[in-house]
Amino acid sequence: MSLENLVFVGFNSRVLSLDRETGEIVWHWQSPKPKNGGYVSLLLDGDRLVVSVNGYMYCLDPQTGDQLWSNETKGFGTGVASIVSVRGRSSQETSHQAASAEEERRRAAAAASASSTY
């Protein structure tokens, strides 16, 4: 299944991948530490899903939910994580980029049409 057809949800030390059309669970993953009650932060970073659970960091394959790596980040604390990456994109950025690309296509088409009429 394409990443564009997946929605990721995190809560209670777990991550779920849902089919965006049907809401059916595609895969689920449980954090080894902490096992229960951990607040989950997520970042889709290109072909990686970066997950933070109360100070523990994990990287999952977003297609399968397989754990690729982990880092306990000892000594850095716990709580709600802010995760940022050059590859990570928010839905607002993606929408803005699509709107900008569409506007650019319209301008190019108008310019081509104007030059062909002269």
PDB file of N, CA and C in Angstrom:
ATOM      1  N   MET A   1       0.845  -1.177   0.000  1.00  0.00           N
ATOM      2  CA  MET A   1       0.000   0.000   0.000  1.00  0.00           C
ATOM      3  C   MET A   1       0.895   1.247   0.000  1.00  0.00           C
ATOM      4  N   SER A   2       0.537   2.241  -0.756  1.00  0.00           N
ATOM      5  CA  SER A   2       1.295   3.481  -0.860  1.00  0.00           C
ATOM      6  C   SER A   2       1.196   4.297   0.425  1.00  0.00           C
ATOM      7  N   LEU A   3       2.281   5.009   0.763  1.00  0.00           N
ATOM      8  CA  LEU A   3       2.265   5.881   1.942  1.00  0.00           C
ATOM      9  C   LEU A   3       1.150   6.913   1.850  1.00  0.00           C
ATOM     10  N   GLU A   4       0.813   7.328   0.651  1.00  0.00           N
ATOM     11  CA  GLU A   4      -0.247   8.323   0.469  1.00  0.00           C
ATOM     12  C   GLU A   4      -1.611   7.801   0.892  1.00  0.00           C
ATOM     13  N   ASN A   5      -1.734   6.489   1.038  1.00  0.00           N
ATOM     14  CA  ASN A   5      -3.004   5.875   1.440  1.00  0.00           C
ATOM     15  C   ASN A   5      -3.033   5.505   2.914  1.00  0.00           C
ATOM     16  N   LEU A   6      -2.013   5.947   3.668  1.00  0.00           N
ATOM     17  CA  LEU A   6      -1.927   5.590   5.081  1.00  0.00           C
ATOM     18  C   LEU A   6      -2.053   6.815   5.974  1.00  0.00           C
ATOM     19  N   VAL A   7      -2.639   6.601   7.145  1.00  0.00           N
ATOM     20  CA  VAL A   7      -2.722   7.605   8.207  1.00  0.00           C
ATOM     21  C   VAL A   7      -2.100   6.962   9.443  1.00  0.00           C
ATOM     22  N   PHE A   8      -1.269   7.720  10.173  1.00  0.00           N
ATOM     23  CA  PHE A   8      -0.590   7.189  11.347  1.00  0.00           C
ATOM     24  C   PHE A   8      -1.136   7.837  12.602  1.00  0.00           C
ATOM     25  N   VAL A   9      -1.392   7.007  13.609  1.00  0.00           N
ATOM     26  CA  VAL A   9      -1.964   7.456  14.867  1.00  0.00           C
ATOM     27  C   VAL A   9      -1.116   6.883  15.996  1.00  0.00           C
ATOM     28  N   GLY A  10      -0.809   7.712  16.998  1.00  0.00           N
ATOM     29  CA  GLY A  10      -0.033   7.225  18.124  1.00  0.00           C
ATOM     30  C   GLY A  10      -0.696   7.570  19.438  1.00  0.00           C
ATOM     31  N   PHE A  11      -0.796   6.588  20.332  1.00  0.00           N
ATOM     32  CA  PHE A  11      -1.287   6.807  21.686  1.00  0.00           C
ATOM     33  C   PHE A  11      -0.981   5.588  22.536  1.00  0.00           C
ATOM     34  N   ASN A  12      -0.843   5.832  23.856  1.00  0.00           N
ATOM     35  CA  ASN A  12      -0.651   4.754  24.821  1.00  0.00           C
ATOM     36  C   ASN A  12       0.487   3.807  24.437  1.00  0.00           C
ATOM     37  N   SER A  13       1.644   4.377  24.075  1.00  0.00           N
ATOM     38  CA  SER A  13       2.841   3.607  23.700  1.00  0.00           C
ATOM     39  C   SER A  13       2.657   2.757  22.446  1.00  0.00           C
ATOM     40  N   ARG A  14       1.697   3.099  21.610  1.00  0.00           N
ATOM     41  CA  ARG A  14       1.418   2.332  20.393  1.00  0.00           C
ATOM     42  C   ARG A  14       1.317   3.255  19.181  1.00  0.00           C
ATOM     43  N   VAL A  15       1.588   2.675  18.016  1.00  0.00           N
ATOM     44  CA  VAL A  15       1.390   3.365  16.749  1.00  0.00           C
ATOM     45  C   VAL A  15       0.539   2.463  15.869  1.00  0.00           C
ATOM     46  N   LEU A  16      -0.445   3.067  15.222  1.00  0.00           N
ATOM     47  CA  LEU A  16      -1.299   2.353  14.278  1.00  0.00           C
ATOM     48  C   LEU A  16      -1.162   2.992  12.910  1.00  0.00           C
ATOM     49  N   SER A  17      -1.203   2.174  11.897  1.00  0.00           N
ATOM     50  CA  SER A  17      -1.293   2.637  10.522  1.00  0.00           C
ATOM     51  C   SER A  17      -2.688   2.273  10.033  1.00  0.00           C
ATOM     52  N   LEU A  18      -3.401   3.275   9.552  1.00  0.00           N
ATOM     53  CA  LEU A  18      -4.771   3.065   9.084  1.00  0.00           C
ATOM     54  C   LEU A  18      -4.883   3.342   7.590  1.00  0.00           C
ATOM     55  N   ASP A  19      -5.727   2.600   6.924  1.00  0.00           N
ATOM     56  CA  ASP A  19      -6.072   2.897   5.537  1.00  0.00           C
ATOM     57  C   ASP A  19      -6.886   4.187   5.542  1.00  0.00           C
ATOM     58  N   ARG A  20      -6.434   5.200   4.828  1.00  0.00           N
ATOM     59  CA  ARG A  20      -7.087   6.509   4.893  1.00  0.00           C
ATOM     60  C   ARG A  20      -8.494   6.510   4.289  1.00  0.00           C
ATOM     61  N   GLU A  21      -8.819   5.533   3.467  1.00  0.00           N
ATOM     62  CA  GLU A  21     -10.146   5.465   2.861  1.00  0.00           C
ATOM     63  C   GLU A  21     -11.143   4.700   3.729  1.00  0.00           C
ATOM     64  N   THR A  22     -10.684   3.625   4.371  1.00  0.00           N
ATOM     65  CA  THR A  22     -11.603   2.757   5.106  1.00  0.00           C
ATOM     66  C   THR A  22     -11.451   2.842   6.623  1.00  0.00           C
ATOM     67  N   GLY A  23     -10.289   3.325   7.090  1.00  0.00           N
ATOM     68  CA  GLY A  23     -10.026   3.369   8.521  1.00  0.00           C
ATOM     69  C   GLY A  23      -9.577   2.041   9.092  1.00  0.00           C
ATOM     70  N   GLU A  24      -9.427   1.019   8.247  1.00  0.00           N
ATOM     71  CA  GLU A  24      -8.983  -0.294   8.715  1.00  0.00           C
ATOM     72  C   GLU A  24      -7.517  -0.237   9.138  1.00  0.00           C
ATOM     73  N   ILE A  25      -7.180  -1.015  10.171  1.00  0.00           N
ATOM     74  CA  ILE A  25      -5.798  -1.090  10.640  1.00  0.00           C
ATOM     75  C   ILE A  25      -4.976  -1.885   9.625  1.00  0.00           C
ATOM     76  N   VAL A  26      -3.891  -1.270   9.167  1.00  0.00           N
ATOM     77  CA  VAL A  26      -2.964  -1.928   8.244  1.00  0.00           C
ATOM     78  C   VAL A  26      -1.884  -2.647   9.044  1.00  0.00           C
ATOM     79  N   TRP A  27      -1.322  -1.974  10.052  1.00  0.00           N
ATOM     80  CA  TRP A  27      -0.368  -2.586  10.981  1.00  0.00           C
ATOM     81  C   TRP A  27      -0.416  -1.827  12.298  1.00  0.00           C
ATOM     82  N   HIS A  28       0.100  -2.474  13.362  1.00  0.00           N
ATOM     83  CA  HIS A  28       0.226  -1.798  14.652  1.00  0.00           C
ATOM     84  C   HIS A  28       1.555  -2.185  15.280  1.00  0.00           C
ATOM     85  N   TRP A  29       2.078  -1.301  16.111  1.00  0.00           N
ATOM     86  CA  TRP A  29       3.371  -1.494  16.772  1.00  0.00           C
ATOM     87  C   TRP A  29       3.238  -1.050  18.212  1.00  0.00           C
ATOM     88  N   GLN A  30       3.892  -1.777  19.118  1.00  0.00           N
ATOM     89  CA  GLN A  30       3.899  -1.438  20.543  1.00  0.00           C
ATOM     90  C   GLN A  30       5.322  -1.122  20.961  1.00  0.00           C
ATOM     91  N   SER A  31       5.500  -0.014  21.646  1.00  0.00           N
ATOM     92  CA  SER A  31       6.808   0.379  22.152  1.00  0.00           C
ATOM     93  C   SER A  31       7.309  -0.632  23.177  1.00  0.00           C
ATOM     94  N   PRO A  32       8.562  -1.100  23.044  1.00  0.00           N
ATOM     95  CA  PRO A  32       9.109  -1.997  24.059  1.00  0.00           C
ATOM     96  C   PRO A  32       9.286  -1.297  25.409  1.00  0.00           C
ATOM     97  N   LYS A  33       9.590   0.006  25.382  1.00  0.00           N
ATOM     98  CA  LYS A  33       9.754   0.818  26.596  1.00  0.00           C
ATOM     99  C   LYS A  33       9.185   2.194  26.310  1.00  0.00           C
ATOM    100  N   PRO A  34       8.373   2.774  27.085  1.00  0.00           N
ATOM    101  CA  PRO A  34       7.540   2.141  28.098  1.00  0.00           C
ATOM    102  C   PRO A  34       6.428   1.351  27.428  1.00  0.00           C
ATOM    103  N   LYS A  35       6.020   0.295  28.075  1.00  0.00           N
ATOM    104  CA  LYS A  35       5.007  -0.601  27.508  1.00  0.00           C
ATOM    105  C   LYS A  35       3.609   0.016  27.508  1.00  0.00           C
ATOM    106  N   ASN A  36       3.286   0.791  28.532  1.00  0.00           N
ATOM    107  CA  ASN A  36       1.936   1.347  28.646  1.00  0.00           C
ATOM    108  C   ASN A  36       1.983   2.797  29.084  1.00  0.00           C
ATOM    109  N   GLY A  37       1.028   3.553  28.625  1.00  0.00           N
ATOM    110  CA  GLY A  37       0.822   4.904  29.107  1.00  0.00           C
ATOM    111  C   GLY A  37       1.737   5.964  28.543  1.00  0.00           C
ATOM    112  N   GLY A  38       2.521   5.647  27.542  1.00  0.00           N
ATOM    113  CA  GLY A  38       3.434   6.627  26.999  1.00  0.00           C
ATOM    114  C   GLY A  38       2.799   7.524  25.955  1.00  0.00           C
ATOM    115  N   TYR A  39       3.041   8.845  26.088  1.00  0.00           N
ATOM    116  CA  TYR A  39       2.584   9.801  25.086  1.00  0.00           C
ATOM    117  C   TYR A  39       3.425   9.619  23.828  1.00  0.00           C
ATOM    118  N   VAL A  40       2.799   9.593  22.663  1.00  0.00           N
ATOM    119  CA  VAL A  40       3.492   9.309  21.405  1.00  0.00           C
ATOM    120  C   VAL A  40       3.515  10.549  20.520  1.00  0.00           C
ATOM    121  N   SER A  41       4.715  10.903  20.039  1.00  0.00           N
ATOM    122  CA  SER A  41       4.890  11.938  19.018  1.00  0.00           C
ATOM    123  C   SER A  41       5.379  11.247  17.752  1.00  0.00           C
ATOM    124  N   LEU A  42       4.894  11.693  16.588  1.00  0.00           N
ATOM    125  CA  LEU A  42       5.220  11.057  15.314  1.00  0.00           C
ATOM    126  C   LEU A  42       5.730  12.078  14.305  1.00  0.00           C
ATOM    127  N   LEU A  43       6.648  11.641  13.446  1.00  0.00           N
ATOM    128  CA  LEU A  43       7.090  12.429  12.297  1.00  0.00           C
ATOM    129  C   LEU A  43       7.309  11.482  11.134  1.00  0.00           C
ATOM    130  N   LEU A  44       6.580  11.697  10.049  1.00  0.00           N
ATOM    131  CA  LEU A  44       6.833  10.945   8.827  1.00  0.00           C
ATOM    132  C   LEU A  44       7.976  11.651   8.113  1.00  0.00           C
ATOM    133  N   ASP A  45       9.118  10.987   8.071  1.00  0.00           N
ATOM    134  CA  ASP A  45      10.356  11.544   7.541  1.00  0.00           C
ATOM    135  C   ASP A  45      10.715  10.810   6.256  1.00  0.00           C
ATOM    136  N   GLY A  46      10.041  11.156   5.180  1.00  0.00           N
ATOM    137  CA  GLY A  46      10.265  10.461   3.915  1.00  0.00           C
ATOM    138  C   GLY A  46       9.862   9.007   4.034  1.00  0.00           C
ATOM    139  N   ASP A  47      10.846   8.126   3.985  1.00  0.00           N
ATOM    140  CA  ASP A  47      10.564   6.686   4.056  1.00  0.00           C
ATOM    141  C   ASP A  47      10.779   6.124   5.459  1.00  0.00           C
ATOM    142  N   ARG A  48      10.722   6.980   6.463  1.00  0.00           N
ATOM    143  CA  ARG A  48      10.875   6.572   7.864  1.00  0.00           C
ATOM    144  C   ARG A  48       9.790   7.229   8.707  1.00  0.00           C
ATOM    145  N   LEU A  49       9.301   6.514   9.712  1.00  0.00           N
ATOM    146  CA  LEU A  49       8.366   7.067  10.672  1.00  0.00           C
ATOM    147  C   LEU A  49       9.109   7.158  12.002  1.00  0.00           C
ATOM    148  N   VAL A  50       9.429   8.372  12.429  1.00  0.00           N
ATOM    149  CA  VAL A  50      10.163   8.587  13.667  1.00  0.00           C
ATOM    150  C   VAL A  50       9.147   8.730  14.792  1.00  0.00           C
ATOM    151  N   VAL A  51       9.357   7.971  15.869  1.00  0.00           N
ATOM    152  CA  VAL A  51       8.404   7.882  16.967  1.00  0.00           C
ATOM    153  C   VAL A  51       9.113   8.191  18.280  1.00  0.00           C
ATOM    154  N   SER A  52       8.518   9.051  19.086  1.00  0.00           N
ATOM    155  CA  SER A  52       9.019   9.309  20.434  1.00  0.00           C
ATOM    156  C   SER A  52       7.951   8.878  21.421  1.00  0.00           C
ATOM    157  N   VAL A  53       8.382   8.103  22.428  1.00  0.00           N
ATOM    158  CA  VAL A  53       7.477   7.649  23.484  1.00  0.00           C
ATOM    159  C   VAL A  53       8.150   7.923  24.821  1.00  0.00           C
ATOM    160  N   ASN A  54       7.727   8.994  25.498  1.00  0.00           N
ATOM    161  CA  ASN A  54       8.258   9.350  26.825  1.00  0.00           C
ATOM    162  C   ASN A  54       9.776   9.244  26.928  1.00  0.00           C
ATOM    163  N   GLY A  55      10.485   9.873  26.001  1.00  0.00           N
ATOM    164  CA  GLY A  55      11.936   9.915  26.063  1.00  0.00           C
ATOM    165  C   GLY A  55      12.654   8.818  25.296  1.00  0.00           C
ATOM    166  N   TYR A  56      11.956   7.829  24.817  1.00  0.00           N
ATOM    167  CA  TYR A  56      12.540   6.778  23.995  1.00  0.00           C
ATOM    168  C   TYR A  56      12.252   7.095  22.524  1.00  0.00           C
ATOM    169  N   MET A  57      13.254   6.957  21.672  1.00  0.00           N
ATOM    170  CA  MET A  57      13.095   7.241  20.250  1.00  0.00           C
ATOM    171  C   MET A  57      13.166   5.942  19.448  1.00  0.00           C
ATOM    172  N   TYR A  58      12.291   5.857  18.449  1.00  0.00           N
ATOM    173  CA  TYR A  58      12.244   4.680  17.586  1.00  0.00           C
ATOM    174  C   TYR A  58      12.085   5.142  16.146  1.00  0.00           C
ATOM    175  N   CYS A  59      12.520   4.304  15.238  1.00  0.00           N
ATOM    176  CA  CYS A  59      12.303   4.541  13.820  1.00  0.00           C
ATOM    177  C   CYS A  59      11.621   3.311  13.247  1.00  0.00           C
ATOM    178  N   LEU A  60      10.488   3.535  12.593  1.00  0.00           N
ATOM    179  CA  LEU A  60       9.714   2.441  12.006  1.00  0.00           C
ATOM    180  C   LEU A  60       9.673   2.578  10.490  1.00  0.00           C
ATOM    181  N   ASP A  61       9.532   1.459   9.823  1.00  0.00           N
ATOM    182  CA  ASP A  61       9.253   1.464   8.398  1.00  0.00           C
ATOM    183  C   ASP A  61       7.761   1.788   8.270  1.00  0.00           C
ATOM    184  N   PRO A  62       7.396   2.900   7.642  1.00  0.00           N
ATOM    185  CA  PRO A  62       5.977   3.279   7.605  1.00  0.00           C
ATOM    186  C   PRO A  62       5.102   2.336   6.781  1.00  0.00           C
ATOM    187  N   GLN A  63       5.699   1.556   5.904  1.00  0.00           N
ATOM    188  CA  GLN A  63       4.923   0.606   5.108  1.00  0.00           C
ATOM    189  C   GLN A  63       4.526  -0.630   5.917  1.00  0.00           C
ATOM    190  N   THR A  64       5.454  -1.075   6.797  1.00  0.00           N
ATOM    191  CA  THR A  64       5.257  -2.359   7.470  1.00  0.00           C
ATOM    192  C   THR A  64       5.120  -2.261   8.987  1.00  0.00           C
ATOM    193  N   GLY A  65       5.615  -1.176   9.584  1.00  0.00           N
ATOM    194  CA  GLY A  65       5.632  -1.048  11.031  1.00  0.00           C
ATOM    195  C   GLY A  65       6.830  -1.729  11.666  1.00  0.00           C
ATOM    196  N   ASP A  66       7.729  -2.275  10.857  1.00  0.00           N
ATOM    197  CA  ASP A  66       8.932  -2.909  11.395  1.00  0.00           C
ATOM    198  C   ASP A  66       9.819  -1.852  12.057  1.00  0.00           C
ATOM    199  N   GLN A  67      10.357  -2.183  13.230  1.00  0.00           N
ATOM    200  CA  GLN A  67      11.253  -1.271  13.936  1.00  0.00           C
ATOM    201  C   GLN A  67      12.637  -1.347  13.291  1.00  0.00           C
ATOM    202  N   LEU A  68      13.173  -0.187  12.867  1.00  0.00           N
ATOM    203  CA  LEU A  68      14.470  -0.133  12.202  1.00  0.00           C
ATOM    204  C   LEU A  68      15.595   0.193  13.177  1.00  0.00           C
ATOM    205  N   TRP A  69      15.313   1.046  14.156  1.00  0.00           N
ATOM    206  CA  TRP A  69      16.298   1.363  15.189  1.00  0.00           C
ATOM    207  C   TRP A  69      15.607   1.943  16.402  1.00  0.00           C
ATOM    208  N   SER A  70      16.374   2.041  17.499  1.00  0.00           N
ATOM    209  CA  SER A  70      15.861   2.670  18.717  1.00  0.00           C
ATOM    210  C   SER A  70      17.006   3.400  19.403  1.00  0.00           C
ATOM    211  N   ASN A  71      16.659   4.383  20.225  1.00  0.00           N
ATOM    212  CA  ASN A  71      17.636   5.145  21.001  1.00  0.00           C
ATOM    213  C   ASN A  71      16.944   5.556  22.294  1.00  0.00           C
ATOM    214  N   GLU A  72      17.487   5.144  23.428  1.00  0.00           N
ATOM    215  CA  GLU A  72      16.852   5.445  24.713  1.00  0.00           C
ATOM    216  C   GLU A  72      17.037   6.894  25.141  1.00  0.00           C
ATOM    217  N   THR A  73      17.874   7.642  24.452  1.00  0.00           N
ATOM    218  CA  THR A  73      18.158   9.060  24.768  1.00  0.00           C
ATOM    219  C   THR A  73      18.299   9.286  26.272  1.00  0.00           C
ATOM    220  N   LYS A  74      19.137   8.450  26.901  1.00  0.00           N
ATOM    221  CA  LYS A  74      19.341   8.530  28.352  1.00  0.00           C
ATOM    222  C   LYS A  74      19.837   9.906  28.762  1.00  0.00           C
ATOM    223  N   GLY A  75      19.245  10.409  29.841  1.00  0.00           N
ATOM    224  CA  GLY A  75      19.660  11.676  30.416  1.00  0.00           C
ATOM    225  C   GLY A  75      19.010  12.905  29.813  1.00  0.00           C
ATOM    226  N   PHE A  76      18.159  12.727  28.807  1.00  0.00           N
ATOM    227  CA  PHE A  76      17.525  13.872  28.169  1.00  0.00           C
ATOM    228  C   PHE A  76      16.120  14.145  28.677  1.00  0.00           C
ATOM    229  N   GLY A  77      15.556  13.265  29.489  1.00  0.00           N
ATOM    230  CA  GLY A  77      14.241  13.502  30.067  1.00  0.00           C
ATOM    231  C   GLY A  77      13.129  12.827  29.303  1.00  0.00           C
ATOM    232  N   THR A  78      11.902  13.122  29.745  1.00  0.00           N
ATOM    233  CA  THR A  78      10.715  12.530  29.134  1.00  0.00           C
ATOM    234  C   THR A  78       9.700  13.627  28.853  1.00  0.00           C
ATOM    235  N   GLY A  79       8.590  13.242  28.300  1.00  0.00           N
ATOM    236  CA  GLY A  79       7.525  14.196  28.027  1.00  0.00           C
ATOM    237  C   GLY A  79       7.188  14.229  26.549  1.00  0.00           C
ATOM    238  N   VAL A  80       6.494  15.276  26.137  1.00  0.00           N
ATOM    239  CA  VAL A  80       6.074  15.446  24.750  1.00  0.00           C
ATOM    240  C   VAL A  80       7.274  15.923  23.938  1.00  0.00           C
ATOM    241  N   ALA A  81       7.613  15.194  22.886  1.00  0.00           N
ATOM    242  CA  ALA A  81       8.776  15.526  22.059  1.00  0.00           C
ATOM    243  C   ALA A  81       8.372  16.397  20.881  1.00  0.00           C
ATOM    244  N   SER A  82       9.271  17.292  20.505  1.00  0.00           N
ATOM    245  CA  SER A  82       9.164  18.025  19.244  1.00  0.00           C
ATOM    246  C   SER A  82      10.147  17.370  18.294  1.00  0.00           C
ATOM    247  N   ILE A  83       9.668  16.927  17.152  1.00  0.00           N
ATOM    248  CA  ILE A  83      10.512  16.210  16.199  1.00  0.00           C
ATOM    249  C   ILE A  83      10.509  16.974  14.886  1.00  0.00           C
ATOM    250  N   VAL A  84      11.703  17.261  14.360  1.00  0.00           N
ATOM    251  CA  VAL A  84      11.831  18.025  13.128  1.00  0.00           C
ATOM    252  C   VAL A  84      12.856  17.345  12.231  1.00  0.00           C
ATOM    253  N   SER A  85      12.629  17.391  10.930  1.00  0.00           N
ATOM    254  CA  SER A  85      13.564  16.835   9.960  1.00  0.00           C
ATOM    255  C   SER A  85      13.421  17.587   8.650  1.00  0.00           C
ATOM    256  N   VAL A  86      14.497  17.647   7.890  1.00  0.00           N
ATOM    257  CA  VAL A  86      14.441  18.272   6.573  1.00  0.00           C
ATOM    258  C   VAL A  86      13.450  17.540   5.679  1.00  0.00           C
ATOM    259  N   ARG A  87      13.388  16.220   5.812  1.00  0.00           N
ATOM    260  CA  ARG A  87      12.486  15.427   4.977  1.00  0.00           C
ATOM    261  C   ARG A  87      11.055  15.420   5.488  1.00  0.00           C
ATOM    262  N   GLY A  88      10.855  15.683   6.761  1.00  0.00           N
ATOM    263  CA  GLY A  88       9.514  15.644   7.336  1.00  0.00           C
ATOM    264  C   GLY A  88       8.648  16.736   6.745  1.00  0.00           C
ATOM    265  N   ARG A  89       7.402  16.437   6.477  1.00  0.00           N
ATOM    266  CA  ARG A  89       6.471  17.397   5.892  1.00  0.00           C
ATOM    267  C   ARG A  89       5.172  17.387   6.675  1.00  0.00           C
ATOM    268  N   SER A  90       4.619  18.555   6.888  1.00  0.00           N
ATOM    269  CA  SER A  90       3.296  18.630   7.493  1.00  0.00           C
ATOM    270  C   SER A  90       2.263  18.643   6.385  1.00  0.00           C
ATOM    271  N   SER A  91       1.037  18.347   6.709  1.00  0.00           N
ATOM    272  CA  SER A  91      -0.017  18.371   5.699  1.00  0.00           C
ATOM    273  C   SER A  91      -0.229  19.784   5.175  1.00  0.00           C
ATOM    274  N   GLN A  92      -0.007  20.806   6.000  1.00  0.00           N
ATOM    275  CA  GLN A  92      -0.152  22.186   5.550  1.00  0.00           C
ATOM    276  C   GLN A  92       0.895  22.530   4.509  1.00  0.00           C
ATOM    277  N   GLU A  93       2.143  22.092   4.718  1.00  0.00           N
ATOM    278  CA  GLU A  93       3.194  22.347   3.742  1.00  0.00           C
ATOM    279  C   GLU A  93       2.875  21.667   2.426  1.00  0.00           C
ATOM    280  N   THR A  94       2.419  20.423   2.494  1.00  0.00           N
ATOM    281  CA  THR A  94       2.095  19.674   1.286  1.00  0.00           C
ATOM    282  C   THR A  94       0.973  20.364   0.522  1.00  0.00           C
ATOM    283  N   SER A  95      -0.060  20.827   1.206  1.00  0.00           N
ATOM    284  CA  SER A  95      -1.168  21.535   0.561  1.00  0.00           C
ATOM    285  C   SER A  95      -0.694  22.827  -0.068  1.00  0.00           C
ATOM    286  N   HIS A  96       0.155  23.555   0.641  1.00  0.00           N
ATOM    287  CA  HIS A  96       0.686  24.818   0.122  1.00  0.00           C
ATOM    288  C   HIS A  96       1.540  24.573  -1.122  1.00  0.00           C
ATOM    289  N   GLN A  97       2.373  23.532  -1.098  1.00  0.00           N
ATOM    290  CA  GLN A  97       3.210  23.206  -2.244  1.00  0.00           C
ATOM    291  C   GLN A  97       2.356  22.823  -3.444  1.00  0.00           C
ATOM    292  N   ALA A  98       1.299  22.072  -3.232  1.00  0.00           N
ATOM    293  CA  ALA A  98       0.410  21.675  -4.323  1.00  0.00           C
ATOM    294  C   ALA A  98      -0.282  22.894  -4.918  1.00  0.00           C
ATOM    295  N   ALA A  99      -0.729  23.825  -4.068  1.00  0.00           N
ATOM    296  CA  ALA A  99      -1.382  25.042  -4.551  1.00  0.00           C
ATOM    297  C   ALA A  99      -0.395  25.900  -5.341  1.00  0.00           C
ATOM    298  N   SER A 100       0.844  26.004  -4.861  1.00  0.00           N
ATOM    299  CA  SER A 100       1.871  26.783  -5.566  1.00  0.00           C
ATOM    300  C   SER A 100       2.178  26.170  -6.924  1.00  0.00           C
ATOM    301  N   ALA A 101       2.269  24.847  -6.984  1.00  0.00           N
ATOM    302  CA  ALA A 101       2.550  24.163  -8.245  1.00  0.00           C
ATOM    303  C   ALA A 101       1.404  24.368  -9.237  1.00  0.00           C
ATOM    304  N   GLU A 102       0.175  24.309  -8.758  1.00  0.00           N
ATOM    305  CA  GLU A 102      -0.988  24.528  -9.624  1.00  0.00           C
ATOM    306  C   GLU A 102      -0.998  25.959 -10.162  1.00  0.00           C
ATOM    307  N   GLU A 103      -0.698  26.926  -9.316  1.00  0.00           N
ATOM    308  CA  GLU A 103      -0.640  28.327  -9.745  1.00  0.00           C
ATOM    309  C   GLU A 103       0.449  28.517 -10.799  1.00  0.00           C
ATOM    310  N   GLU A 104       1.583  27.882 -10.615  1.00  0.00           N
ATOM    311  CA  GLU A 104       2.683  27.961 -11.585  1.00  0.00           C
ATOM    312  C   GLU A 104       2.268  27.352 -12.923  1.00  0.00           C
ATOM    313  N   ARG A 105       1.531  26.240 -12.905  1.00  0.00           N
ATOM    314  CA  ARG A 105       1.046  25.629 -14.142  1.00  0.00           C
ATOM    315  C   ARG A 105       0.077  26.569 -14.864  1.00  0.00           C
ATOM    316  N   ARG A 106      -0.791  27.228 -14.115  1.00  0.00           N
ATOM    317  CA  ARG A 106      -1.741  28.176 -14.732  1.00  0.00           C
ATOM    318  C   ARG A 106      -1.009  29.334 -15.404  1.00  0.00           C
ATOM    319  N   ARG A 107      -0.009  29.870 -14.719  1.00  0.00           N
ATOM    320  CA  ARG A 107       0.767  30.981 -15.286  1.00  0.00           C
ATOM    321  C   ARG A 107       1.482  30.550 -16.570  1.00  0.00           C
ATOM    322  N   ALA A 108       2.080  29.350 -16.557  1.00  0.00           N
ATOM    323  CA  ALA A 108       2.791  28.853 -17.729  1.00  0.00           C
ATOM    324  C   ALA A 108       1.819  28.655 -18.889  1.00  0.00           C
ATOM    325  N   ALA A 109       0.638  28.115 -18.589  1.00  0.00           N
ATOM    326  CA  ALA A 109      -0.361  27.896 -19.644  1.00  0.00           C
ATOM    327  C   ALA A 109      -0.843  29.225 -20.209  1.00  0.00           C
ATOM    328  N   ALA A 110      -1.060  30.224 -19.349  1.00  0.00           N
ATOM    329  CA  ALA A 110      -1.493  31.550 -19.822  1.00  0.00           C
ATOM    330  C   ALA A 110      -0.424  32.200 -20.658  1.00  0.00           C
ATOM    331  N   ALA A 111       0.841  32.064 -20.260  1.00  0.00           N
ATOM    332  CA  ALA A 111       1.947  32.657 -21.018  1.00  0.00           C
ATOM    333  C   ALA A 111       2.081  31.976 -22.371  1.00  0.00           C
ATOM    334  N   ALA A 112       1.940  30.664 -22.414  1.00  0.00           N
ATOM    335  CA  ALA A 112       2.023  29.931 -23.658  1.00  0.00           C
ATOM    336  C   ALA A 112       0.886  30.318 -24.591  1.00  0.00           C
ATOM    337  N   SER A 113      -0.296  30.479 -24.051  1.00  0.00           N
ATOM    338  CA  SER A 113      -1.463  30.866 -24.835  1.00  0.00           C
ATOM    339  C   SER A 113      -1.295  32.274 -25.396  1.00  0.00           C
ATOM    340  N   ALA A 114      -0.786  33.192 -24.586  1.00  0.00           N
ATOM    341  CA  ALA A 114      -0.583  34.579 -25.018  1.00  0.00           C
ATOM    342  C   ALA A 114       0.476  34.652 -26.116  1.00  0.00           C
ATOM    343  N   SER A 115       1.555  33.888 -26.005  1.00  0.00           N
ATOM    344  CA  SER A 115       2.627  33.949 -26.999  1.00  0.00           C
ATOM    345  C   SER A 115       2.209  33.304 -28.316  1.00  0.00           C
ATOM    346  N   SER A 116       1.287  32.345 -28.285  1.00  0.00           N
ATOM    347  CA  SER A 116       0.854  31.692 -29.507  1.00  0.00           C
ATOM    348  C   SER A 116      -0.159  32.530 -30.284  1.00  0.00           C
ATOM    349  N   THR A 117      -0.757  33.539 -29.649  1.00  0.00           N
ATOM    350  CA  THR A 117      -1.738  34.373 -30.342  1.00  0.00           C
ATOM    351  C   THR A 117      -1.086  35.538 -31.073  1.00  0.00           C
ATOM    352  N   TYR A 118       0.186  35.792 -30.838  1.00  0.00           N
ATOM    353  CA  TYR A 118       0.880  36.904 -31.518  1.00  0.00           C
ATOM    354  C   TYR A 118       1.537  36.475 -32.773  1.00  0.00           C
TER     355      TYR A 118
END
